[in-house]
Amino acid sequence: MKKIFLKLVFIFVLLYQYSAYSADTIEAFVVNLSEMNSQVKVTDLICDKVLYDDLIDAKSNLAINLCKGEDGLGQVELFIKIGCTKNKTIIKKNITDGKKIPFLPTK
């Protein structure tokens, strides 16, 4: 009986921590509108943390979790590598939960 009680307490603690974590983050999606794969570095500007630094497939979404700022919104920087010398930086502010952040490397 004691083991069952301890397991239940452990499960409730995990659920509480998960809900606290999800309340402090924003889930958004980076969308590659290009017909080609793109090398992208995604940085959370609130937490100053690199979230992703790799290829994003053509016409695909990348789910990210951003930290909330004081206003409850997120900010992200996309650094897109285009060849050796042509790179592009996009900064998006006021990101809300479920927001899609599209980019097209050539424009």
C-alpha atoms as a PDB file:
ATOM      1  CA  MET A   1       0.000   0.000   0.000  1.00  0.00           C
ATOM      2  CA  LYS A   2       2.857   2.345   0.844  1.00  0.00           C
ATOM      3  CA  LYS A   3       4.493   1.689  -2.555  1.00  0.00           C
ATOM      4  CA  ILE A   4       1.281   2.556  -4.395  1.00  0.00           C
ATOM      5  CA  PHE A   5       0.956   5.799  -2.439  1.00  0.00           C
ATOM      6  CA  LEU A   6       4.572   6.752  -3.218  1.00  0.00           C
ATOM      7  CA  LYS A   7       4.038   6.013  -6.920  1.00  0.00           C
ATOM      8  CA  LEU A   8       0.935   8.199  -6.995  1.00  0.00           C
ATOM      9  CA  VAL A   9       2.763  11.058  -5.275  1.00  0.00           C
ATOM     10  CA  PHE A  10       5.616  10.714  -7.755  1.00  0.00           C
ATOM     11  CA  ILE A  11       3.209  10.818 -10.720  1.00  0.00           C
ATOM     12  CA  PHE A  12       1.458  13.930  -9.371  1.00  0.00           C
ATOM     13  CA  VAL A  13       4.808  15.679  -8.857  1.00  0.00           C
ATOM     14  CA  LEU A  14       5.799  14.912 -12.457  1.00  0.00           C
ATOM     15  CA  LEU A  15       2.473  16.175 -13.783  1.00  0.00           C
ATOM     16  CA  TYR A  16       2.786  19.363 -11.743  1.00  0.00           C
ATOM     17  CA  GLN A  17       6.301  20.023 -13.036  1.00  0.00           C
ATOM     18  CA  TYR A  18       5.203  19.384 -16.626  1.00  0.00           C
ATOM     19  CA  SER A  19       2.270  21.791 -16.341  1.00  0.00           C
ATOM     20  CA  ALA A  20       4.516  24.452 -14.795  1.00  0.00           C
ATOM     21  CA  TYR A  21       7.021  24.030 -17.634  1.00  0.00           C
ATOM     22  CA  SER A  22       4.384  24.222 -20.359  1.00  0.00           C
ATOM     23  CA  ALA A  23       2.887  27.351 -18.775  1.00  0.00           C
ATOM     24  CA  ASP A  24       6.256  29.120 -19.055  1.00  0.00           C
ATOM     25  CA  THR A  25       6.812  28.271 -22.718  1.00  0.00           C
ATOM     26  CA  ILE A  26       5.221  28.998 -26.062  1.00  0.00           C
ATOM     27  CA  GLU A  27       4.928  26.308 -28.707  1.00  0.00           C
ATOM     28  CA  ALA A  28       5.472  27.704 -32.190  1.00  0.00           C
ATOM     29  CA  PHE A  29       6.416  26.331 -35.606  1.00  0.00           C
ATOM     30  CA  VAL A  30       9.170  27.422 -37.990  1.00  0.00           C
ATOM     31  CA  VAL A  31       7.921  26.816 -41.539  1.00  0.00           C
ATOM     32  CA  ASN A  32      10.275  26.390 -44.503  1.00  0.00           C
ATOM     33  CA  LEU A  33       8.313  27.630 -47.536  1.00  0.00           C
ATOM     34  CA  SER A  34      11.181  26.882 -49.920  1.00  0.00           C
ATOM     35  CA  GLU A  35      11.324  24.048 -52.455  1.00  0.00           C
ATOM     36  CA  MET A  36      14.765  23.157 -51.060  1.00  0.00           C
ATOM     37  CA  ASN A  37      16.127  22.084 -47.711  1.00  0.00           C
ATOM     38  CA  SER A  38      17.528  25.033 -45.757  1.00  0.00           C
ATOM     39  CA  GLN A  39      20.294  25.268 -43.170  1.00  0.00           C
ATOM     40  CA  VAL A  40      18.760  27.253 -40.294  1.00  0.00           C
ATOM     41  CA  LYS A  41      19.877  28.259 -36.813  1.00  0.00           C
ATOM     42  CA  VAL A  42      16.928  29.075 -34.532  1.00  0.00           C
ATOM     43  CA  THR A  43      17.689  31.122 -31.404  1.00  0.00           C
ATOM     44  CA  ASP A  44      15.272  31.986 -28.589  1.00  0.00           C
ATOM     45  CA  LEU A  45      15.968  35.664 -27.901  1.00  0.00           C
ATOM     46  CA  ILE A  46      14.252  35.669 -24.483  1.00  0.00           C
ATOM     47  CA  CYS A  47      16.346  32.805 -23.030  1.00  0.00           C
ATOM     48  CA  ASP A  48      19.298  33.494 -25.376  1.00  0.00           C
ATOM     49  CA  LYS A  49      19.448  29.806 -26.268  1.00  0.00           C
ATOM     50  CA  VAL A  50      20.020  28.054 -29.604  1.00  0.00           C
ATOM     51  CA  LEU A  51      17.047  25.754 -30.158  1.00  0.00           C
ATOM     52  CA  TYR A  52      17.991  24.246 -33.504  1.00  0.00           C
ATOM     53  CA  ASP A  53      20.975  24.386 -35.849  1.00  0.00           C
ATOM     54  CA  ASP A  54      20.546  21.997 -38.764  1.00  0.00           C
ATOM     55  CA  LEU A  55      18.675  21.442 -42.022  1.00  0.00           C
ATOM     56  CA  ILE A  56      14.933  21.966 -42.232  1.00  0.00           C
ATOM     57  CA  ASP A  57      13.333  19.966 -45.018  1.00  0.00           C
ATOM     58  CA  ALA A  58      11.588  21.731 -47.885  1.00  0.00           C
ATOM     59  CA  LYS A  59       7.928  22.579 -47.264  1.00  0.00           C
ATOM     60  CA  SER A  60       8.065  21.364 -43.664  1.00  0.00           C
ATOM     61  CA  ASN A  61       7.419  22.562 -40.104  1.00  0.00           C
ATOM     62  CA  LEU A  62       9.760  22.526 -37.119  1.00  0.00           C
ATOM     63  CA  ALA A  63       8.114  22.619 -33.688  1.00  0.00           C
ATOM     64  CA  ILE A  64       9.940  24.789 -31.137  1.00  0.00           C
ATOM     65  CA  ASN A  65       9.314  25.817 -27.527  1.00  0.00           C
ATOM     66  CA  LEU A  66      10.116  29.435 -26.714  1.00  0.00           C
ATOM     67  CA  CYS A  67      10.489  31.130 -23.345  1.00  0.00           C
ATOM     68  CA  LYS A  68       7.893  33.748 -22.498  1.00  0.00           C
ATOM     69  CA  GLY A  69       9.007  37.325 -21.949  1.00  0.00           C
ATOM     70  CA  GLU A  70       7.553  39.698 -19.355  1.00  0.00           C
ATOM     71  CA  ASP A  71       4.701  40.424 -21.761  1.00  0.00           C
ATOM     72  CA  GLY A  72       3.939  36.695 -22.165  1.00  0.00           C
ATOM     73  CA  LEU A  73       5.174  36.664 -25.770  1.00  0.00           C
ATOM     74  CA  GLY A  74       8.202  35.067 -27.408  1.00  0.00           C
ATOM     75  CA  GLN A  75      10.972  36.298 -29.688  1.00  0.00           C
ATOM     76  CA  VAL A  76      13.017  34.248 -32.128  1.00  0.00           C
ATOM     77  CA  GLU A  77      15.923  34.807 -34.501  1.00  0.00           C
ATOM     78  CA  LEU A  78      16.313  32.722 -37.657  1.00  0.00           C
ATOM     79  CA  PHE A  79      19.784  32.710 -39.214  1.00  0.00           C
ATOM     80  CA  ILE A  80      19.450  31.152 -42.665  1.00  0.00           C
ATOM     81  CA  LYS A  81      22.568  30.070 -44.534  1.00  0.00           C
ATOM     82  CA  ILE A  82      22.319  30.692 -48.280  1.00  0.00           C
ATOM     83  CA  GLY A  83      25.502  29.575 -50.026  1.00  0.00           C
ATOM     84  CA  CYS A  84      28.880  30.729 -48.729  1.00  0.00           C
ATOM     85  CA  THR A  85      28.352  34.484 -48.527  1.00  0.00           C
ATOM     86  CA  LYS A  86      24.614  35.164 -48.753  1.00  0.00           C
ATOM     87  CA  ASN A  87      23.107  34.664 -45.328  1.00  0.00           C
ATOM     88  CA  LYS A  88      19.887  36.075 -43.963  1.00  0.00           C
ATOM     89  CA  THR A  89      18.797  36.925 -40.424  1.00  0.00           C
ATOM     90  CA  ILE A  90      15.115  37.230 -39.567  1.00  0.00           C
ATOM     91  CA  ILE A  91      13.906  38.401 -36.155  1.00  0.00           C
ATOM     92  CA  LYS A  92      10.298  37.739 -35.205  1.00  0.00           C
ATOM     93  CA  LYS A  93       8.753  39.338 -32.132  1.00  0.00           C
ATOM     94  CA  ASN A  94       5.388  39.041 -30.375  1.00  0.00           C
ATOM     95  CA  ILE A  95       5.094  35.288 -30.957  1.00  0.00           C
ATOM     96  CA  THR A  96       2.060  33.661 -29.390  1.00  0.00           C
ATOM     97  CA  ASP A  97       1.258  30.012 -28.723  1.00  0.00           C
ATOM     98  CA  GLY A  98       0.644  28.039 -31.924  1.00  0.00           C
ATOM     99  CA  LYS A  99       2.106  30.757 -34.172  1.00  0.00           C
ATOM    100  CA  LYS A 100       3.665  29.747 -37.507  1.00  0.00           C
ATOM    101  CA  ILE A 101       6.911  31.522 -38.377  1.00  0.00           C
ATOM    102  CA  PRO A 102       7.372  31.190 -42.146  1.00  0.00           C
ATOM    103  CA  PHE A 103      10.557  31.931 -44.048  1.00  0.00           C
ATOM    104  CA  LEU A 104      11.624  31.840 -47.667  1.00  0.00           C
ATOM    105  CA  PRO A 105      15.452  32.007 -47.924  1.00  0.00           C
ATOM    106  CA  THR A 106      15.573  33.758 -51.292  1.00  0.00           C
ATOM    107  CA  LYS A 107      13.292  36.695 -50.425  1.00  0.00           C
END
